Amino acid sequence: AHNLVWKLTRVLKGKSTSALLETYHAERHSQVAETIRVAARTGILQSTKSLPLAILRDFCIRGLTMIPAVRRYFSEMRYIPKPFLRTGVVLPDGNRPTSCVGRLMPAAAIRDGSRMMLLDDFIGAGWALVGIDLPKAASQLPDSSLWRELDATSIVLRPRGTGMTFVPVDDTFDPVFAAHRGEWLIVRPDRI
């Protein structure tokens, strides 16, 4: 829903043409179709009318969820497909397999001195420019009227253990640091 809302908002405010709305299908169709397929399969598993199958299912799930990785897989709903945009309102990042471009930005908690907050709370509901462990000389926001037009919030994140401000409190952001150190990431209002 967030994908459509930010686009509708821009069009209704006259900041984008209706062509922006046409990107919705390209961006969301395959992921929504896969989510429906997963929901249908899990629905069949959950709604079995056979008592022996239900007992077997429950026994297997209880046993498997004793394994911490499996328990996290279910509790964090990792079986639900995550969006990965290759077309639409996304800048391609070549074929870097570790790239986070087109994927949801991790929902990280960050620390600014003694204060802790969610990165989403700092960024707010709009566009953002997130600098990933930029060298001091590159920490200035890129000069562009586009960022002002988008009213983008900017932040530079540093790795844990550096003693700097705006540091993730856990390893949630480690893949982003590994793939994008020294880069600015453009983050859409739907956090992709």
C-alpha atoms as a PDB file:
ATOM      1  CA  ALA A   1       0.000   0.000   0.000  1.00  0.00           C
ATOM      2  CA  HIS A   2       2.838   2.395   0.830  1.00  0.00           C
ATOM      3  CA  ASN A   3       4.155   2.034  -2.733  1.00  0.00           C
ATOM      4  CA  LEU A   4       0.894   3.379  -4.141  1.00  0.00           C
ATOM      5  CA  VAL A   5       0.300   6.015  -1.451  1.00  0.00           C
ATOM      6  CA  TRP A   6       3.531   7.964  -1.959  1.00  0.00           C
ATOM      7  CA  LYS A   7       2.980   7.936  -5.713  1.00  0.00           C
ATOM      8  CA  LEU A   8      -0.636   9.108  -5.419  1.00  0.00           C
ATOM      9  CA  THR A   9       0.458  11.862  -3.036  1.00  0.00           C
ATOM     10  CA  ARG A  10       3.060  13.179  -5.505  1.00  0.00           C
ATOM     11  CA  VAL A  11       0.569  13.094  -8.398  1.00  0.00           C
ATOM     12  CA  LEU A  12      -2.250  14.744  -6.414  1.00  0.00           C
ATOM     13  CA  LYS A  13       0.108  17.517  -5.239  1.00  0.00           C
ATOM     14  CA  GLY A  14       1.120  18.123  -8.858  1.00  0.00           C
ATOM     15  CA  LYS A  15       4.756  17.144  -8.232  1.00  0.00           C
ATOM     16  CA  SER A  16       4.686  14.177 -10.652  1.00  0.00           C
ATOM     17  CA  THR A  17       2.679  13.196 -13.693  1.00  0.00           C
ATOM     18  CA  SER A  18       0.222  10.304 -13.727  1.00  0.00           C
ATOM     19  CA  ALA A  19       2.921   8.247 -15.494  1.00  0.00           C
ATOM     20  CA  LEU A  20       4.373   7.642 -12.005  1.00  0.00           C
ATOM     21  CA  LEU A  21       1.258   5.607 -11.144  1.00  0.00           C
ATOM     22  CA  GLU A  22       1.918   3.314 -14.107  1.00  0.00           C
ATOM     23  CA  THR A  23       5.082   2.030 -12.374  1.00  0.00           C
ATOM     24  CA  TYR A  24       3.008   0.379  -9.646  1.00  0.00           C
ATOM     25  CA  HIS A  25       2.172  -2.757 -11.647  1.00  0.00           C
ATOM     26  CA  ALA A  26       5.750  -3.300 -12.838  1.00  0.00           C
ATOM     27  CA  GLU A  27       7.082  -2.931  -9.306  1.00  0.00           C
ATOM     28  CA  ARG A  28       4.533  -4.941  -7.352  1.00  0.00           C
ATOM     29  CA  HIS A  29       2.803  -7.509  -9.554  1.00  0.00           C
ATOM     30  CA  SER A  30       5.301 -10.390  -9.356  1.00  0.00           C
ATOM     31  CA  GLN A  31       5.887  -9.991  -5.598  1.00  0.00           C
ATOM     32  CA  VAL A  32       2.157  -9.807  -4.826  1.00  0.00           C
ATOM     33  CA  ALA A  33       1.476 -12.862  -7.026  1.00  0.00           C
ATOM     34  CA  GLU A  34       4.187 -14.820  -5.173  1.00  0.00           C
ATOM     35  CA  THR A  35       2.789 -13.693  -1.796  1.00  0.00           C
ATOM     36  CA  ILE A  36      -0.649 -14.977  -2.842  1.00  0.00           C
ATOM     37  CA  ARG A  37       0.882 -18.334  -3.885  1.00  0.00           C
ATOM     38  CA  VAL A  38       2.666 -18.631  -0.496  1.00  0.00           C
ATOM     39  CA  ALA A  39      -0.539 -17.712   1.362  1.00  0.00           C
ATOM     40  CA  ALA A  40      -2.524 -20.311  -0.580  1.00  0.00           C
ATOM     41  CA  ARG A  41       0.043 -23.045   0.204  1.00  0.00           C
ATOM     42  CA  THR A  42       0.210 -22.173   3.901  1.00  0.00           C
ATOM     43  CA  GLY A  43      -3.578 -21.964   4.008  1.00  0.00           C
ATOM     44  CA  ILE A  44      -3.825 -25.543   2.727  1.00  0.00           C
ATOM     45  CA  LEU A  45      -1.308 -26.662   5.345  1.00  0.00           C
ATOM     46  CA  GLN A  46      -3.108 -24.815   8.152  1.00  0.00           C
ATOM     47  CA  SER A  47      -6.625 -25.894   7.273  1.00  0.00           C
ATOM     48  CA  THR A  48      -6.245 -29.627   6.802  1.00  0.00           C
ATOM     49  CA  LYS A  49      -9.376 -31.501   7.866  1.00  0.00           C
ATOM     50  CA  SER A  50      -7.531 -34.760   8.382  1.00  0.00           C
ATOM     51  CA  LEU A  51      -6.841 -35.299  12.102  1.00  0.00           C
ATOM     52  CA  PRO A  52      -3.796 -37.543  11.488  1.00  0.00           C
ATOM     53  CA  LEU A  53      -2.294 -34.967   9.092  1.00  0.00           C
ATOM     54  CA  ALA A  54      -3.010 -32.135  11.551  1.00  0.00           C
ATOM     55  CA  ILE A  55      -1.282 -34.057  14.365  1.00  0.00           C
ATOM     56  CA  LEU A  56       1.701 -34.826  12.117  1.00  0.00           C
ATOM     57  CA  ARG A  57       1.883 -31.170  10.982  1.00  0.00           C
ATOM     58  CA  ASP A  58       1.778 -29.873  14.576  1.00  0.00           C
ATOM     59  CA  PHE A  59       4.365 -32.412  15.741  1.00  0.00           C
ATOM     60  CA  CYS A  60       6.740 -31.488  12.890  1.00  0.00           C
ATOM     61  CA  ILE A  61       6.329 -27.745  13.402  1.00  0.00           C
ATOM     62  CA  ARG A  62       6.890 -28.030  17.172  1.00  0.00           C
ATOM     63  CA  GLY A  63      10.019 -30.083  16.597  1.00  0.00           C
ATOM     64  CA  LEU A  64      11.405 -27.831  13.886  1.00  0.00           C
ATOM     65  CA  THR A  65      10.774 -24.634  15.853  1.00  0.00           C
ATOM     66  CA  MET A  66      13.027 -25.933  18.600  1.00  0.00           C
ATOM     67  CA  ILE A  67      15.876 -25.074  16.203  1.00  0.00           C
ATOM     68  CA  PRO A  68      16.594 -21.331  16.712  1.00  0.00           C
ATOM     69  CA  ALA A  69      17.133 -20.560  13.000  1.00  0.00           C
ATOM     70  CA  VAL A  70      13.836 -22.231  12.062  1.00  0.00           C
ATOM     71  CA  ARG A  71      12.010 -20.459  14.905  1.00  0.00           C
ATOM     72  CA  ARG A  72      13.368 -17.079  13.642  1.00  0.00           C
ATOM     73  CA  TYR A  73      12.352 -17.993  10.087  1.00  0.00           C
ATOM     74  CA  PHE A  74       8.727 -18.383  11.208  1.00  0.00           C
ATOM     75  CA  SER A  75       8.599 -15.652  13.877  1.00  0.00           C
ATOM     76  CA  GLU A  76      10.118 -13.089  11.486  1.00  0.00           C
ATOM     77  CA  MET A  77       7.854 -14.338   8.667  1.00  0.00           C
ATOM     78  CA  ARG A  78      10.818 -14.793   6.323  1.00  0.00           C
ATOM     79  CA  TYR A  79       8.688 -17.129   4.201  1.00  0.00           C
ATOM     80  CA  ILE A  80       6.778 -14.102   2.911  1.00  0.00           C
ATOM     81  CA  PRO A  81       8.475 -12.847  -0.282  1.00  0.00           C
ATOM     82  CA  LYS A  82      10.190  -9.481   0.136  1.00  0.00           C
ATOM     83  CA  PRO A  83       9.978  -6.857  -2.595  1.00  0.00           C
ATOM     84  CA  PHE A  84      12.888  -6.693  -5.012  1.00  0.00           C
ATOM     85  CA  LEU A  85      12.464  -4.051  -7.691  1.00  0.00           C
ATOM     86  CA  ARG A  86      14.268  -4.327 -10.990  1.00  0.00           C
ATOM     87  CA  THR A  87      12.054  -1.863 -12.891  1.00  0.00           C
ATOM     88  CA  GLY A  88       9.956   1.176 -12.107  1.00  0.00           C
ATOM     89  CA  VAL A  89      11.178   3.991  -9.879  1.00  0.00           C
ATOM     90  CA  VAL A  90      14.550   2.451  -9.060  1.00  0.00           C
ATOM     91  CA  LEU A  91      18.061   3.191 -10.283  1.00  0.00           C
ATOM     92  CA  PRO A  92      19.699  -0.012 -11.542  1.00  0.00           C
ATOM     93  CA  ASP A  93      22.870  -1.069  -9.732  1.00  0.00           C
ATOM     94  CA  GLY A  94      24.351  -3.333 -12.365  1.00  0.00           C
ATOM     95  CA  ASN A  95      24.564  -6.972 -11.418  1.00  0.00           C
ATOM     96  CA  ARG A  96      26.187  -6.713  -7.986  1.00  0.00           C
ATOM     97  CA  PRO A  97      24.675  -9.748  -6.216  1.00  0.00           C
ATOM     98  CA  THR A  98      25.157  -8.190  -2.761  1.00  0.00           C
ATOM     99  CA  SER A  99      23.537  -4.875  -3.665  1.00  0.00           C
ATOM    100  CA  CYS A 100      20.634  -3.641  -1.562  1.00  0.00           C
ATOM    101  CA  VAL A 101      19.287  -1.514  -4.415  1.00  0.00           C
ATOM    102  CA  GLY A 102      15.655  -2.355  -5.147  1.00  0.00           C
ATOM    103  CA  ARG A 103      15.230  -4.061  -1.765  1.00  0.00           C
ATOM    104  CA  LEU A 104      13.652  -2.878   1.471  1.00  0.00           C
ATOM    105  CA  MET A 105      15.980  -0.839   3.668  1.00  0.00           C
ATOM    106  CA  PRO A 106      16.592  -2.736   6.919  1.00  0.00           C
ATOM    107  CA  ALA A 107      14.509  -1.471   9.842  1.00  0.00           C
ATOM    108  CA  ALA A 108      17.495  -0.693  12.028  1.00  0.00           C
ATOM    109  CA  ALA A 109      17.707   0.909  15.435  1.00  0.00           C
ATOM    110  CA  ILE A 110      20.435   3.551  15.484  1.00  0.00           C
ATOM    111  CA  ARG A 111      22.286   5.295  18.287  1.00  0.00           C
ATOM    112  CA  ASP A 112      23.154   8.975  18.339  1.00  0.00           C
ATOM    113  CA  GLY A 113      25.311   9.339  21.434  1.00  0.00           C
ATOM    114  CA  SER A 114      23.164   8.102  24.317  1.00  0.00           C
ATOM    115  CA  ARG A 115      19.889   8.428  22.410  1.00  0.00           C
ATOM    116  CA  MET A 116      18.481   5.421  20.521  1.00  0.00           C
ATOM    117  CA  MET A 117      15.831   5.605  17.783  1.00  0.00           C
ATOM    118  CA  LEU A 118      14.618   3.735  14.728  1.00  0.00           C
ATOM    119  CA  LEU A 119      16.174   4.834  11.462  1.00  0.00           C
ATOM    120  CA  ASP A 120      12.628   5.172  10.061  1.00  0.00           C
ATOM    121  CA  ASP A 121      11.737   7.626  12.851  1.00  0.00           C
ATOM    122  CA  PHE A 122      14.774   9.762  12.012  1.00  0.00           C
ATOM    123  CA  ILE A 123      14.133   9.697   8.261  1.00  0.00           C
ATOM    124  CA  GLY A 124      10.380  10.298   8.528  1.00  0.00           C
ATOM    125  CA  ALA A 125       7.798   9.405   5.911  1.00  0.00           C
ATOM    126  CA  GLY A 126       9.470  10.893   2.836  1.00  0.00           C
ATOM    127  CA  TRP A 127      12.510  10.426   0.645  1.00  0.00           C
ATOM    128  CA  ALA A 128      15.937  10.008   2.207  1.00  0.00           C
ATOM    129  CA  LEU A 129      19.597  10.018   1.286  1.00  0.00           C
ATOM    130  CA  VAL A 130      21.509   7.575   3.464  1.00  0.00           C
ATOM    131  CA  GLY A 131      25.288   7.819   3.388  1.00  0.00           C
ATOM    132  CA  ILE A 132      26.989   4.525   4.180  1.00  0.00           C
ATOM    133  CA  ASP A 133      30.243   5.058   6.122  1.00  0.00           C
ATOM    134  CA  LEU A 134      31.302   7.905   3.851  1.00  0.00           C
ATOM    135  CA  PRO A 135      34.799   9.376   4.059  1.00  0.00           C
ATOM    136  CA  LYS A 136      34.698  12.774   5.784  1.00  0.00           C
ATOM    137  CA  ALA A 137      35.292  14.607   2.476  1.00  0.00           C
ATOM    138  CA  ALA A 138      32.283  12.883   0.866  1.00  0.00           C
ATOM    139  CA  SER A 139      29.917  13.360   3.828  1.00  0.00           C
ATOM    140  CA  GLN A 140      28.432  16.535   2.393  1.00  0.00           C
ATOM    141  CA  LEU A 141      25.062  16.015   0.755  1.00  0.00           C
ATOM    142  CA  PRO A 142      25.375  15.793  -3.046  1.00  0.00           C
ATOM    143  CA  ASP A 143      24.364  19.157  -4.500  1.00  0.00           C
ATOM    144  CA  SER A 144      21.162  18.664  -6.441  1.00  0.00           C
ATOM    145  CA  SER A 145      17.898  20.488  -6.838  1.00  0.00           C
ATOM    146  CA  LEU A 146      16.284  17.017  -6.975  1.00  0.00           C
ATOM    147  CA  TRP A 147      16.978  16.403  -3.257  1.00  0.00           C
ATOM    148  CA  ARG A 148      15.446  19.789  -2.401  1.00  0.00           C
ATOM    149  CA  GLU A 149      12.436  19.067  -4.646  1.00  0.00           C
ATOM    150  CA  LEU A 150      11.931  15.705  -2.929  1.00  0.00           C
ATOM    151  CA  ASP A 151      12.516  17.325   0.485  1.00  0.00           C
ATOM    152  CA  ALA A 152      14.826  14.409   1.247  1.00  0.00           C
ATOM    153  CA  THR A 153      16.155  13.842   4.756  1.00  0.00           C
ATOM    154  CA  SER A 154      19.819  12.920   4.885  1.00  0.00           C
ATOM    155  CA  ILE A 155      21.854  10.895   7.348  1.00  0.00           C
ATOM    156  CA  VAL A 156      25.299   9.314   7.325  1.00  0.00           C
ATOM    157  CA  LEU A 157      25.529   5.962   9.111  1.00  0.00           C
ATOM    158  CA  ARG A 158      28.787   4.651  10.564  1.00  0.00           C
ATOM    159  CA  PRO A 159      29.605   1.049  11.573  1.00  0.00           C
ATOM    160  CA  ARG A 160      29.295  -0.116  15.174  1.00  0.00           C
ATOM    161  CA  GLY A 161      32.394   0.284  17.279  1.00  0.00           C
ATOM    162  CA  THR A 162      33.523   3.544  15.658  1.00  0.00           C
ATOM    163  CA  GLY A 163      32.279   5.793  18.460  1.00  0.00           C
ATOM    164  CA  MET A 164      30.627   8.012  15.847  1.00  0.00           C
ATOM    165  CA  THR A 165      27.057   9.316  15.804  1.00  0.00           C
ATOM    166  CA  PHE A 166      24.291   7.491  13.945  1.00  0.00           C
ATOM    167  CA  VAL A 167      25.510   3.959  14.448  1.00  0.00           C
ATOM    168  CA  PRO A 168      23.240   0.886  14.074  1.00  0.00           C
ATOM    169  CA  VAL A 169      22.898  -0.889  17.434  1.00  0.00           C
ATOM    170  CA  ASP A 170      23.017  -4.420  16.005  1.00  0.00           C
ATOM    171  CA  ASP A 171      24.094  -6.305  12.885  1.00  0.00           C
ATOM    172  CA  THR A 172      20.912  -5.532  10.896  1.00  0.00           C
ATOM    173  CA  PHE A 173      22.751  -3.061   8.675  1.00  0.00           C
ATOM    174  CA  ASP A 174      25.972  -5.083   8.183  1.00  0.00           C
ATOM    175  CA  PRO A 175      25.006  -6.273   4.648  1.00  0.00           C
ATOM    176  CA  VAL A 176      24.377  -2.652   3.637  1.00  0.00           C
ATOM    177  CA  PHE A 177      27.795  -1.581   4.975  1.00  0.00           C
ATOM    178  CA  ALA A 178      29.441  -4.491   3.150  1.00  0.00           C
ATOM    179  CA  ALA A 179      27.767  -3.724  -0.196  1.00  0.00           C
ATOM    180  CA  HIS A 180      27.606   0.080  -0.166  1.00  0.00           C
ATOM    181  CA  ARG A 181      30.434   1.508   1.978  1.00  0.00           C
ATOM    182  CA  GLY A 182      31.324   4.985   0.700  1.00  0.00           C
ATOM    183  CA  GLU A 183      28.060   5.434  -1.241  1.00  0.00           C
ATOM    184  CA  TRP A 184      24.907   7.500  -0.890  1.00  0.00           C
ATOM    185  CA  LEU A 185      21.701   5.436  -1.130  1.00  0.00           C
ATOM    186  CA  ILE A 186      18.480   7.016  -2.329  1.00  0.00           C
ATOM    187  CA  VAL A 187      15.642   5.627  -0.213  1.00  0.00           C
ATOM    188  CA  ARG A 188      12.056   6.011  -1.385  1.00  0.00           C
ATOM    189  CA  PRO A 189       9.138   6.754   0.958  1.00  0.00           C
ATOM    190  CA  ASP A 190       8.248   3.030   0.930  1.00  0.00           C
ATOM    191  CA  ARG A 191      11.821   2.290   2.155  1.00  0.00           C
ATOM    192  CA  ILE A 192      13.061   0.708  -1.064  1.00  0.00           C
END
